[in-house]
Amino acid sequence: MLDEQQFRMKSDASLTRLERALEKAAAQYEFDVDRHEGALTVEFEDPPARFVVSPNSPVRQIWVSARVQSFKLDWSETADDFVLPSDGRNLRQLLADVIGQQIGETLSLS
């Protein structure tokens, strides 16, 4: 398990990469991306929705709240990324999937 400093470094780097990928897609797919106090927010106007991606330091996970679901991603040394234990999707893949469901299109975040 990561110690707190390692978690903060890895989660910050992951959220920064995710934020950059989302900003590239935001104009094309008409959603807004904002990062405030460590949490990343993705907002949609039509239909209205708000997804939140936030680090949870005490349990060393990144939590995603999207489409009335909560996802808890753990650090994987093998993947060198935060992944969803149930199916192995990394943070960007998960966000691409839930945003794609929201907008009704296939989305790739690279």
N, C-alpha and C. Protein backbone atom coordinates (compact mmCIF):
# COMPACT_ATOMS: atom_id res chain seq x y z
N MET A 1 0.84 -1.19 0.00
CA MET A 1 0.00 0.00 0.00
C MET A 1 0.88 1.24 0.00
N LEU A 2 0.43 2.24 -0.70
CA LEU A 2 1.17 3.50 -0.77
C LEU A 2 1.12 4.22 0.57
N ASP A 3 2.22 4.90 0.92
CA ASP A 3 2.12 5.77 2.09
C ASP A 3 1.45 7.07 1.64
N GLU A 4 1.16 7.96 2.58
CA GLU A 4 0.38 9.15 2.25
C GLU A 4 1.07 10.04 1.23
N GLN A 5 2.37 10.22 1.36
CA GLN A 5 3.10 11.08 0.43
C GLN A 5 3.11 10.48 -0.98
N GLN A 6 3.34 9.17 -1.07
CA GLN A 6 3.31 8.50 -2.38
C GLN A 6 1.91 8.63 -3.01
N PHE A 7 0.89 8.41 -2.17
CA PHE A 7 -0.48 8.52 -2.68
C PHE A 7 -0.74 9.91 -3.23
N ARG A 8 -0.36 10.93 -2.47
CA ARG A 8 -0.60 12.31 -2.92
C ARG A 8 0.11 12.60 -4.24
N MET A 9 1.34 12.14 -4.38
CA MET A 9 2.08 12.37 -5.62
C MET A 9 1.43 11.65 -6.79
N LYS A 10 1.09 10.38 -6.60
CA LYS A 10 0.52 9.59 -7.69
C LYS A 10 -0.90 10.05 -8.04
N SER A 11 -1.70 10.37 -7.04
CA SER A 11 -3.07 10.82 -7.33
C SER A 11 -3.05 12.19 -8.01
N ASP A 12 -2.17 13.08 -7.57
CA ASP A 12 -2.08 14.39 -8.20
C ASP A 12 -1.64 14.26 -9.66
N ALA A 13 -0.66 13.41 -9.92
CA ALA A 13 -0.20 13.20 -11.30
C ALA A 13 -1.31 12.60 -12.16
N SER A 14 -2.05 11.64 -11.60
CA SER A 14 -3.15 11.01 -12.35
C SER A 14 -4.26 12.00 -12.66
N LEU A 15 -4.61 12.83 -11.67
CA LEU A 15 -5.66 13.81 -11.90
C LEU A 15 -5.22 14.89 -12.88
N THR A 16 -3.95 15.24 -12.87
CA THR A 16 -3.43 16.23 -13.83
C THR A 16 -3.50 15.67 -15.25
N ARG A 17 -3.09 14.42 -15.44
CA ARG A 17 -3.19 13.78 -16.77
C ARG A 17 -4.64 13.70 -17.22
N LEU A 18 -5.52 13.31 -16.30
CA LEU A 18 -6.94 13.21 -16.63
C LEU A 18 -7.51 14.57 -17.00
N GLU A 19 -7.15 15.59 -16.23
CA GLU A 19 -7.64 16.94 -16.50
C GLU A 19 -7.22 17.41 -17.90
N ARG A 20 -6.00 17.17 -18.27
CA ARG A 20 -5.51 17.57 -19.61
C ARG A 20 -6.29 16.85 -20.70
N ALA A 21 -6.51 15.55 -20.52
CA ALA A 21 -7.25 14.78 -21.52
C ALA A 21 -8.69 15.26 -21.62
N LEU A 22 -9.30 15.56 -20.47
CA LEU A 22 -10.68 16.05 -20.48
C LEU A 22 -10.78 17.42 -21.12
N GLU A 23 -9.81 18.29 -20.86
CA GLU A 23 -9.84 19.63 -21.47
C GLU A 23 -9.77 19.55 -22.99
N LYS A 24 -9.01 18.59 -23.51
CA LYS A 24 -8.94 18.42 -24.97
C LYS A 24 -10.29 18.01 -25.54
N ALA A 25 -11.02 17.18 -24.81
CA ALA A 25 -12.30 16.66 -25.30
C ALA A 25 -13.47 17.60 -24.99
N ALA A 26 -13.31 18.49 -24.03
CA ALA A 26 -14.42 19.31 -23.53
C ALA A 26 -15.08 20.17 -24.59
N ALA A 27 -14.31 20.83 -25.41
CA ALA A 27 -14.89 21.72 -26.42
C ALA A 27 -15.68 20.93 -27.46
N GLN A 28 -15.14 19.80 -27.87
CA GLN A 28 -15.80 18.99 -28.89
C GLN A 28 -17.11 18.38 -28.37
N TYR A 29 -17.11 17.96 -27.12
CA TYR A 29 -18.27 17.25 -26.58
C TYR A 29 -19.13 18.09 -25.64
N GLU A 30 -18.81 19.37 -25.52
CA GLU A 30 -19.61 20.34 -24.78
C GLU A 30 -19.84 19.96 -23.32
N PHE A 31 -18.75 19.88 -22.58
CA PHE A 31 -18.83 19.78 -21.13
C PHE A 31 -17.73 20.65 -20.54
N ASP A 32 -17.87 20.98 -19.27
CA ASP A 32 -16.90 21.83 -18.59
C ASP A 32 -16.08 21.01 -17.61
N VAL A 33 -14.81 21.38 -17.47
CA VAL A 33 -13.90 20.71 -16.55
C VAL A 33 -13.33 21.75 -15.61
N ASP A 34 -13.33 21.43 -14.32
CA ASP A 34 -12.79 22.35 -13.33
C ASP A 34 -12.08 21.55 -12.24
N ARG A 35 -10.99 22.11 -11.75
CA ARG A 35 -10.26 21.45 -10.65
C ARG A 35 -10.16 22.46 -9.52
N HIS A 36 -10.64 22.03 -8.34
CA HIS A 36 -10.66 22.91 -7.19
C HIS A 36 -10.38 22.10 -5.93
N GLU A 37 -9.40 22.56 -5.17
CA GLU A 37 -9.02 21.91 -3.92
C GLU A 37 -8.81 20.40 -4.07
N GLY A 38 -8.15 20.01 -5.14
CA GLY A 38 -7.80 18.62 -5.35
C GLY A 38 -8.84 17.78 -6.07
N ALA A 39 -10.07 18.24 -6.16
CA ALA A 39 -11.13 17.48 -6.83
C ALA A 39 -11.32 17.99 -8.25
N LEU A 40 -11.63 17.10 -9.14
CA LEU A 40 -11.88 17.41 -10.53
C LEU A 40 -13.37 17.24 -10.79
N THR A 41 -13.99 18.25 -11.40
CA THR A 41 -15.42 18.22 -11.67
C THR A 41 -15.66 18.32 -13.17
N VAL A 42 -16.56 17.48 -13.66
CA VAL A 42 -16.99 17.52 -15.06
C VAL A 42 -18.48 17.81 -15.04
N GLU A 43 -18.88 18.89 -15.72
CA GLU A 43 -20.29 19.29 -15.71
C GLU A 43 -20.86 19.34 -17.12
N PHE A 44 -22.11 18.89 -17.23
CA PHE A 44 -22.83 18.83 -18.49
C PHE A 44 -24.09 19.68 -18.37
N GLU A 45 -24.44 20.36 -19.46
CA GLU A 45 -25.66 21.17 -19.45
C GLU A 45 -26.87 20.38 -19.92
N ASP A 46 -26.70 19.56 -20.96
CA ASP A 46 -27.85 18.88 -21.55
C ASP A 46 -27.53 17.44 -21.88
N PRO A 47 -28.06 16.50 -21.15
CA PRO A 47 -28.82 16.65 -19.93
C PRO A 47 -27.89 17.05 -18.77
N PRO A 48 -28.42 17.78 -17.80
CA PRO A 48 -27.58 18.26 -16.71
C PRO A 48 -27.04 17.11 -15.85
N ALA A 49 -25.75 17.21 -15.57
CA ALA A 49 -25.10 16.20 -14.73
C ALA A 49 -23.77 16.76 -14.23
N ARG A 50 -23.31 16.21 -13.14
CA ARG A 50 -22.03 16.61 -12.58
C ARG A 50 -21.31 15.36 -12.09
N PHE A 51 -20.11 15.16 -12.59
CA PHE A 51 -19.27 14.04 -12.16
C PHE A 51 -18.13 14.62 -11.33
N VAL A 52 -17.76 13.92 -10.25
CA VAL A 52 -16.69 14.38 -9.38
C VAL A 52 -15.65 13.28 -9.24
N VAL A 53 -14.38 13.67 -9.40
CA VAL A 53 -13.25 12.75 -9.24
C VAL A 53 -12.40 13.34 -8.12
N SER A 54 -12.23 12.57 -7.04
CA SER A 54 -11.48 13.12 -5.92
C SER A 54 -10.61 12.07 -5.25
N PRO A 55 -9.43 12.49 -4.80
CA PRO A 55 -8.57 11.57 -4.05
C PRO A 55 -9.12 11.41 -2.64
N ASN A 56 -9.05 10.21 -2.12
CA ASN A 56 -9.46 9.94 -0.75
C ASN A 56 -8.23 9.40 -0.02
N SER A 57 -7.50 10.30 0.57
CA SER A 57 -6.21 9.98 1.17
C SER A 57 -6.26 8.92 2.27
N PRO A 58 -7.23 8.96 3.19
CA PRO A 58 -7.21 7.96 4.27
C PRO A 58 -7.25 6.52 3.78
N VAL A 59 -7.94 6.27 2.68
CA VAL A 59 -8.02 4.89 2.17
C VAL A 59 -7.17 4.68 0.92
N ARG A 60 -6.42 5.73 0.49
CA ARG A 60 -5.50 5.67 -0.65
C ARG A 60 -6.20 5.25 -1.93
N GLN A 61 -7.36 5.84 -2.18
CA GLN A 61 -8.13 5.56 -3.39
C GLN A 61 -8.51 6.86 -4.08
N ILE A 62 -8.84 6.75 -5.36
CA ILE A 62 -9.48 7.84 -6.07
C ILE A 62 -10.93 7.43 -6.23
N TRP A 63 -11.82 8.34 -5.83
CA TRP A 63 -13.25 8.07 -5.91
C TRP A 63 -13.85 8.87 -7.04
N VAL A 64 -14.74 8.22 -7.77
CA VAL A 64 -15.46 8.86 -8.87
C VAL A 64 -16.95 8.73 -8.60
N SER A 65 -17.63 9.85 -8.64
CA SER A 65 -19.08 9.86 -8.52
C SER A 65 -19.62 10.29 -9.87
N ALA A 66 -20.34 9.38 -10.54
CA ALA A 66 -20.83 9.66 -11.89
C ALA A 66 -22.03 8.80 -12.21
N ARG A 67 -23.03 9.42 -12.79
CA ARG A 67 -24.22 8.70 -13.25
C ARG A 67 -24.84 7.87 -12.13
N VAL A 68 -25.08 8.49 -11.00
CA VAL A 68 -25.65 7.88 -9.80
C VAL A 68 -24.91 6.63 -9.32
N GLN A 69 -23.62 6.58 -9.61
CA GLN A 69 -22.79 5.48 -9.15
C GLN A 69 -21.54 6.04 -8.50
N SER A 70 -20.94 5.22 -7.67
CA SER A 70 -19.67 5.57 -7.05
C SER A 70 -18.66 4.49 -7.42
N PHE A 71 -17.49 4.93 -7.85
CA PHE A 71 -16.42 4.02 -8.23
C PHE A 71 -15.21 4.31 -7.35
N LYS A 72 -14.56 3.27 -6.87
CA LYS A 72 -13.39 3.43 -6.00
C LYS A 72 -12.21 2.73 -6.65
N LEU A 73 -11.22 3.54 -7.06
CA LEU A 73 -10.07 3.01 -7.77
C LEU A 73 -8.86 2.91 -6.85
N ASP A 74 -8.16 1.79 -6.96
CA ASP A 74 -6.96 1.52 -6.18
C ASP A 74 -5.71 1.67 -7.04
N TRP A 75 -4.59 1.96 -6.41
CA TRP A 75 -3.32 2.03 -7.13
C TRP A 75 -2.89 0.62 -7.50
N SER A 76 -2.46 0.46 -8.75
CA SER A 76 -1.92 -0.82 -9.24
C SER A 76 -0.49 -0.60 -9.69
N GLU A 77 0.44 -1.26 -9.03
CA GLU A 77 1.84 -1.17 -9.45
C GLU A 77 2.01 -1.75 -10.85
N THR A 78 1.29 -2.83 -11.13
CA THR A 78 1.38 -3.49 -12.44
C THR A 78 0.96 -2.55 -13.56
N ALA A 79 -0.17 -1.86 -13.38
CA ALA A 79 -0.68 -0.95 -14.40
C ALA A 79 -0.04 0.44 -14.30
N ASP A 80 0.63 0.71 -13.19
CA ASP A 80 1.20 2.03 -12.91
C ASP A 80 0.12 3.11 -13.06
N ASP A 81 -1.04 2.82 -12.48
CA ASP A 81 -2.19 3.70 -12.59
C ASP A 81 -3.21 3.30 -11.53
N PHE A 82 -4.19 4.18 -11.33
CA PHE A 82 -5.32 3.83 -10.48
C PHE A 82 -6.30 3.05 -11.33
N VAL A 83 -6.75 1.90 -10.81
CA VAL A 83 -7.64 1.02 -11.57
C VAL A 83 -8.85 0.61 -10.73
N LEU A 84 -9.92 0.29 -11.41
CA LEU A 84 -11.13 -0.21 -10.79
C LEU A 84 -10.95 -1.71 -10.56
N PRO A 85 -10.92 -2.17 -9.31
CA PRO A 85 -10.63 -3.58 -9.04
C PRO A 85 -11.59 -4.56 -9.72
N SER A 86 -12.85 -4.17 -9.90
CA SER A 86 -13.83 -5.11 -10.46
C SER A 86 -13.58 -5.46 -11.92
N ASP A 87 -13.00 -4.53 -12.70
CA ASP A 87 -12.81 -4.85 -14.12
C ASP A 87 -11.48 -4.39 -14.71
N GLY A 88 -10.64 -3.75 -13.90
CA GLY A 88 -9.30 -3.38 -14.36
C GLY A 88 -9.22 -2.11 -15.19
N ARG A 89 -10.34 -1.39 -15.38
CA ARG A 89 -10.26 -0.14 -16.14
C ARG A 89 -9.47 0.90 -15.35
N ASN A 90 -8.62 1.65 -16.06
CA ASN A 90 -7.90 2.71 -15.37
C ASN A 90 -8.78 3.95 -15.30
N LEU A 91 -8.27 4.98 -14.63
CA LEU A 91 -9.06 6.18 -14.39
C LEU A 91 -9.54 6.83 -15.68
N ARG A 92 -8.66 6.97 -16.67
CA ARG A 92 -9.08 7.59 -17.94
C ARG A 92 -10.10 6.74 -18.68
N GLN A 93 -9.92 5.43 -18.67
CA GLN A 93 -10.88 4.55 -19.35
C GLN A 93 -12.26 4.64 -18.69
N LEU A 94 -12.27 4.65 -17.37
CA LEU A 94 -13.54 4.75 -16.65
C LEU A 94 -14.24 6.05 -16.98
N LEU A 95 -13.52 7.17 -16.93
CA LEU A 95 -14.14 8.46 -17.24
C LEU A 95 -14.59 8.52 -18.68
N ALA A 96 -13.82 7.99 -19.60
CA ALA A 96 -14.24 7.96 -21.00
C ALA A 96 -15.55 7.18 -21.14
N ASP A 97 -15.67 6.07 -20.43
CA ASP A 97 -16.89 5.26 -20.51
C ASP A 97 -18.10 5.99 -19.93
N VAL A 98 -17.97 6.58 -18.73
CA VAL A 98 -19.14 7.22 -18.12
C VAL A 98 -19.51 8.51 -18.83
N ILE A 99 -18.52 9.24 -19.33
CA ILE A 99 -18.83 10.44 -20.11
C ILE A 99 -19.48 10.04 -21.44
N GLY A 100 -18.97 9.00 -22.06
CA GLY A 100 -19.58 8.50 -23.29
C GLY A 100 -21.03 8.11 -23.10
N GLN A 101 -21.34 7.47 -21.96
CA GLN A 101 -22.73 7.13 -21.67
C GLN A 101 -23.56 8.41 -21.50
N GLN A 102 -22.98 9.42 -20.86
CA GLN A 102 -23.70 10.67 -20.63
C GLN A 102 -24.02 11.39 -21.94
N ILE A 103 -23.05 11.43 -22.85
CA ILE A 103 -23.25 12.19 -24.09
C ILE A 103 -23.78 11.35 -25.24
N GLY A 104 -23.83 10.03 -25.04
CA GLY A 104 -24.37 9.15 -26.07
C GLY A 104 -23.43 8.92 -27.23
N GLU A 105 -22.12 9.04 -26.96
CA GLU A 105 -21.10 8.82 -28.01
C GLU A 105 -19.91 8.10 -27.40
N THR A 106 -19.16 7.42 -28.26
CA THR A 106 -17.94 6.79 -27.80
C THR A 106 -16.87 7.86 -27.65
N LEU A 107 -16.17 7.83 -26.53
CA LEU A 107 -15.19 8.85 -26.21
C LEU A 107 -13.88 8.17 -25.85
N SER A 108 -12.79 8.71 -26.33
CA SER A 108 -11.46 8.22 -25.97
C SER A 108 -10.70 9.37 -25.33
N LEU A 109 -10.14 9.12 -24.18
CA LEU A 109 -9.32 10.12 -23.49
C LEU A 109 -7.88 9.64 -23.51
N SER A 110 -7.07 10.27 -24.33
CA SER A 110 -5.66 9.86 -24.39
C SER A 110 -4.74 11.01 -24.16
